[in-house]
Amino acid sequence: MGRRRIPRRLRYVGGHDSGYHGAIGHAGRAALCDRPASPGLAVALFAAGYLAVWTGFSVAATLAQDLVHAALAADDMGPVVRPLAGAILLVGGAYQFTPLKRVCLAH
């Protein structure tokens, strides 16, 4: 496995100047560099963003499940859903042993 590289758009975030200034431009970059970086703040912002994204996804998934439940009058969906869920789990598990996974990870 080769050395992993930081995407060009993210290099300046850690204080590395790659020459790319993106949408914020040179003025925005200068404003970012004027204040000292706080590792604690960066971790807190990352954690807050991570939690916000997964919370949003969870709300959307719950609403989608409620819609499916209501549309199909899903009181007796157990005999249908369990085999489908098992099949999805088996396909996902089988994928772990395919050459396709190795190719995707190497890319």
Foldseek 3Di string as FASTA:
>chain_A
DDDDDDDPVCQPVVPHCPVDDPPCPPVSSVVVVVDDDDPVVVVVVVVVVVVVVVVVVVVVVVVVVVVVCVVVVCPPCVVPVVVVVVVVVVVVVVVVPDVVVVVVVVD
